[in-house]
Amino acid sequence: MARPVGVLVLLLTALAIPMRGVQPQVLLLKPNQPIVAADAQLRSQGWAPAGDATLQAFERELAGNRLTSLSGCSGTGAGFCRYDYRRGGQRLEVITVAGPDGNGLVLRWSEAPRLSR
């Protein structure tokens, strides 16, 4: 029969070992963060660009960048643009607004439910 203290030590040791790949990564996006910086950060966390390859030229111009995650831009108003990413079955949508210099700044983001396989 195992001693209760020995079992407790074994359990505490097992809990102290980090479990790689089990813990979800936290999105570190911030409002007003430049989209170029957010894109680099998301890519480093394993998010792949999932933009629209058939964008209109004016949308690329409004976005002010060549990011492959760009899915579209509104042609009027505040200059909202949407960037899409995927990681496994997850989807992420990032909405930007034009900053003072015309470059996109993160306004908000949302994770969509897992894609069905």
C-alpha atoms as a PDB file:
ATOM      1  CA  MET A   1       0.000   0.000   0.000  1.00  0.00           C
ATOM      2  CA  ALA A   2       1.341   3.454  -0.973  1.00  0.00           C
ATOM      3  CA  ARG A   3       1.996   5.957   1.752  1.00  0.00           C
ATOM      4  CA  PRO A   4      -0.411   8.936   1.587  1.00  0.00           C
ATOM      5  CA  VAL A   5       2.493  11.424   1.698  1.00  0.00           C
ATOM      6  CA  GLY A   6       4.228   9.691  -1.228  1.00  0.00           C
ATOM      7  CA  VAL A   7       1.071   9.790  -3.314  1.00  0.00           C
ATOM      8  CA  LEU A   8       0.584  13.483  -2.495  1.00  0.00           C
ATOM      9  CA  VAL A   9       4.187  14.305  -3.500  1.00  0.00           C
ATOM     10  CA  LEU A  10       3.761  12.396  -6.770  1.00  0.00           C
ATOM     11  CA  LEU A  11       0.507  14.214  -7.535  1.00  0.00           C
ATOM     12  CA  LEU A  12       1.978  17.647  -6.775  1.00  0.00           C
ATOM     13  CA  THR A  13       5.022  16.885  -8.930  1.00  0.00           C
ATOM     14  CA  ALA A  14       2.809  15.868 -11.855  1.00  0.00           C
ATOM     15  CA  LEU A  15       0.765  19.063 -11.523  1.00  0.00           C
ATOM     16  CA  ALA A  16       3.911  21.189 -11.521  1.00  0.00           C
ATOM     17  CA  ILE A  17       5.101  19.893 -14.919  1.00  0.00           C
ATOM     18  CA  PRO A  18       3.947  22.270 -17.667  1.00  0.00           C
ATOM     19  CA  MET A  19       1.610  20.701 -20.189  1.00  0.00           C
ATOM     20  CA  ARG A  20       2.782  21.873 -23.600  1.00  0.00           C
ATOM     21  CA  GLY A  21       0.193  22.155 -26.313  1.00  0.00           C
ATOM     22  CA  VAL A  22      -2.712  21.790 -23.908  1.00  0.00           C
ATOM     23  CA  GLN A  23      -3.104  25.365 -22.739  1.00  0.00           C
ATOM     24  CA  PRO A  24      -4.702  27.708 -25.288  1.00  0.00           C
ATOM     25  CA  GLN A  25      -2.686  30.732 -26.347  1.00  0.00           C
ATOM     26  CA  VAL A  26      -4.071  34.045 -25.251  1.00  0.00           C
ATOM     27  CA  LEU A  27      -4.548  36.659 -27.947  1.00  0.00           C
ATOM     28  CA  LEU A  28      -2.410  39.653 -27.075  1.00  0.00           C
ATOM     29  CA  LEU A  29      -4.054  42.064 -29.473  1.00  0.00           C
ATOM     30  CA  LYS A  30      -4.638  45.611 -28.285  1.00  0.00           C
ATOM     31  CA  PRO A  31      -6.981  48.307 -29.533  1.00  0.00           C
ATOM     32  CA  ASN A  32      -5.131  50.895 -31.648  1.00  0.00           C
ATOM     33  CA  GLN A  33      -2.299  48.433 -32.352  1.00  0.00           C
ATOM     34  CA  PRO A  34      -1.023  48.794 -35.946  1.00  0.00           C
ATOM     35  CA  ILE A  35      -2.371  45.909 -38.047  1.00  0.00           C
ATOM     36  CA  VAL A  36       1.112  45.169 -39.387  1.00  0.00           C
ATOM     37  CA  ALA A  37       2.343  44.532 -35.824  1.00  0.00           C
ATOM     38  CA  ALA A  38      -0.806  42.542 -34.974  1.00  0.00           C
ATOM     39  CA  ASP A  39      -0.312  40.428 -38.112  1.00  0.00           C
ATOM     40  CA  ALA A  40       3.287  39.588 -37.137  1.00  0.00           C
ATOM     41  CA  GLN A  41       2.179  38.703 -33.616  1.00  0.00           C
ATOM     42  CA  LEU A  42      -0.657  36.469 -34.814  1.00  0.00           C
ATOM     43  CA  ARG A  43       1.624  34.657 -37.266  1.00  0.00           C
ATOM     44  CA  SER A  44       4.108  33.994 -34.456  1.00  0.00           C
ATOM     45  CA  GLN A  45       1.234  32.373 -32.514  1.00  0.00           C
ATOM     46  CA  GLY A  46       0.463  30.026 -35.401  1.00  0.00           C
ATOM     47  CA  TRP A  47      -2.385  31.954 -37.032  1.00  0.00           C
ATOM     48  CA  ALA A  48      -2.295  31.733 -40.843  1.00  0.00           C
ATOM     49  CA  PRO A  49      -3.611  34.523 -43.069  1.00  0.00           C
ATOM     50  CA  ALA A  50      -6.948  33.624 -44.659  1.00  0.00           C
ATOM     51  CA  GLY A  51      -7.730  36.753 -46.653  1.00  0.00           C
ATOM     52  CA  ASP A  52      -9.487  37.173 -49.978  1.00  0.00           C
ATOM     53  CA  ALA A  53      -7.149  36.839 -52.959  1.00  0.00           C
ATOM     54  CA  THR A  54      -9.714  38.463 -55.277  1.00  0.00           C
ATOM     55  CA  LEU A  55      -9.757  41.905 -53.639  1.00  0.00           C
ATOM     56  CA  GLN A  56     -10.432  45.036 -55.634  1.00  0.00           C
ATOM     57  CA  ALA A  57      -7.475  47.400 -56.149  1.00  0.00           C
ATOM     58  CA  PHE A  58      -9.189  50.159 -54.145  1.00  0.00           C
ATOM     59  CA  GLU A  59      -9.402  47.837 -51.127  1.00  0.00           C
ATOM     60  CA  ARG A  60      -5.636  47.261 -51.160  1.00  0.00           C
ATOM     61  CA  GLU A  61      -5.140  50.996 -51.477  1.00  0.00           C
ATOM     62  CA  LEU A  62      -7.480  51.735 -48.559  1.00  0.00           C
ATOM     63  CA  ALA A  63      -5.727  49.148 -46.402  1.00  0.00           C
ATOM     64  CA  GLY A  64      -2.325  50.705 -47.095  1.00  0.00           C
ATOM     65  CA  ASN A  65      -0.526  47.349 -46.860  1.00  0.00           C
ATOM     66  CA  ARG A  66       0.005  44.083 -48.722  1.00  0.00           C
ATOM     67  CA  LEU A  67      -1.040  41.708 -45.929  1.00  0.00           C
ATOM     68  CA  THR A  68      -2.469  38.445 -47.259  1.00  0.00           C
ATOM     69  CA  SER A  69      -4.928  38.341 -44.369  1.00  0.00           C
ATOM     70  CA  LEU A  70      -6.916  41.276 -45.825  1.00  0.00           C
ATOM     71  CA  SER A  71     -10.474  40.221 -46.690  1.00  0.00           C
ATOM     72  CA  GLY A  72     -11.990  43.583 -47.590  1.00  0.00           C
ATOM     73  CA  CYS A  73     -12.365  47.285 -46.873  1.00  0.00           C
ATOM     74  CA  SER A  74     -15.359  49.568 -46.889  1.00  0.00           C
ATOM     75  CA  GLY A  75     -15.169  52.245 -49.524  1.00  0.00           C
ATOM     76  CA  THR A  76     -16.814  54.926 -47.403  1.00  0.00           C
ATOM     77  CA  GLY A  77     -16.864  56.202 -43.859  1.00  0.00           C
ATOM     78  CA  ALA A  78     -14.133  55.489 -41.343  1.00  0.00           C
ATOM     79  CA  GLY A  79     -12.197  53.133 -43.615  1.00  0.00           C
ATOM     80  CA  PHE A  80     -12.943  49.862 -41.865  1.00  0.00           C
ATOM     81  CA  CYS A  81     -10.988  46.837 -43.100  1.00  0.00           C
ATOM     82  CA  ARG A  82     -11.306  43.173 -42.140  1.00  0.00           C
ATOM     83  CA  TYR A  83      -8.451  40.706 -41.802  1.00  0.00           C
ATOM     84  CA  ASP A  84      -9.065  36.966 -41.446  1.00  0.00           C
ATOM     85  CA  TYR A  85      -6.875  34.266 -39.912  1.00  0.00           C
ATOM     86  CA  ARG A  86      -7.123  30.538 -39.262  1.00  0.00           C
ATOM     87  CA  ARG A  87      -5.375  28.194 -36.874  1.00  0.00           C
ATOM     88  CA  GLY A  88      -6.466  24.591 -37.024  1.00  0.00           C
ATOM     89  CA  GLY A  89     -10.257  24.726 -36.886  1.00  0.00           C
ATOM     90  CA  GLN A  90     -10.319  28.211 -35.360  1.00  0.00           C
ATOM     91  CA  ARG A  91     -11.130  31.418 -37.190  1.00  0.00           C
ATOM     92  CA  LEU A  92     -10.202  34.946 -36.156  1.00  0.00           C
ATOM     93  CA  GLU A  93     -11.533  38.196 -37.595  1.00  0.00           C
ATOM     94  CA  VAL A  94      -9.721  41.489 -36.953  1.00  0.00           C
ATOM     95  CA  ILE A  95     -11.398  44.799 -37.811  1.00  0.00           C
ATOM     96  CA  THR A  96      -9.278  47.907 -38.309  1.00  0.00           C
ATOM     97  CA  VAL A  97      -9.977  51.579 -38.747  1.00  0.00           C
ATOM     98  CA  ALA A  98      -7.745  54.059 -40.558  1.00  0.00           C
ATOM     99  CA  GLY A  99      -5.302  55.798 -38.224  1.00  0.00           C
ATOM    100  CA  PRO A 100      -4.088  59.398 -38.538  1.00  0.00           C
ATOM    101  CA  ASP A 101      -1.355  58.343 -40.984  1.00  0.00           C
ATOM    102  CA  GLY A 102      -3.775  56.197 -43.015  1.00  0.00           C
ATOM    103  CA  ASN A 103      -2.434  52.874 -41.732  1.00  0.00           C
ATOM    104  CA  GLY A 104      -4.861  50.408 -40.167  1.00  0.00           C
ATOM    105  CA  LEU A 105      -5.244  50.296 -36.398  1.00  0.00           C
ATOM    106  CA  VAL A 106      -6.929  47.380 -34.624  1.00  0.00           C
ATOM    107  CA  LEU A 107     -10.448  48.365 -33.566  1.00  0.00           C
ATOM    108  CA  ARG A 108     -11.807  44.995 -32.421  1.00  0.00           C
ATOM    109  CA  TRP A 109     -11.465  41.259 -33.014  1.00  0.00           C
ATOM    110  CA  SER A 110     -13.488  38.134 -32.527  1.00  0.00           C
ATOM    111  CA  GLU A 111     -12.878  34.422 -32.638  1.00  0.00           C
ATOM    112  CA  ALA A 112     -15.446  32.446 -34.565  1.00  0.00           C
ATOM    113  CA  PRO A 113     -16.576  28.997 -33.456  1.00  0.00           C
ATOM    114  CA  ARG A 114     -14.504  26.037 -34.551  1.00  0.00           C
ATOM    115  CA  LEU A 115     -15.019  25.035 -38.150  1.00  0.00           C
ATOM    116  CA  SER A 116     -16.817  21.767 -38.729  1.00  0.00           C
ATOM    117  CA  ARG A 117     -14.673  19.126 -40.348  1.00  0.00           C
END
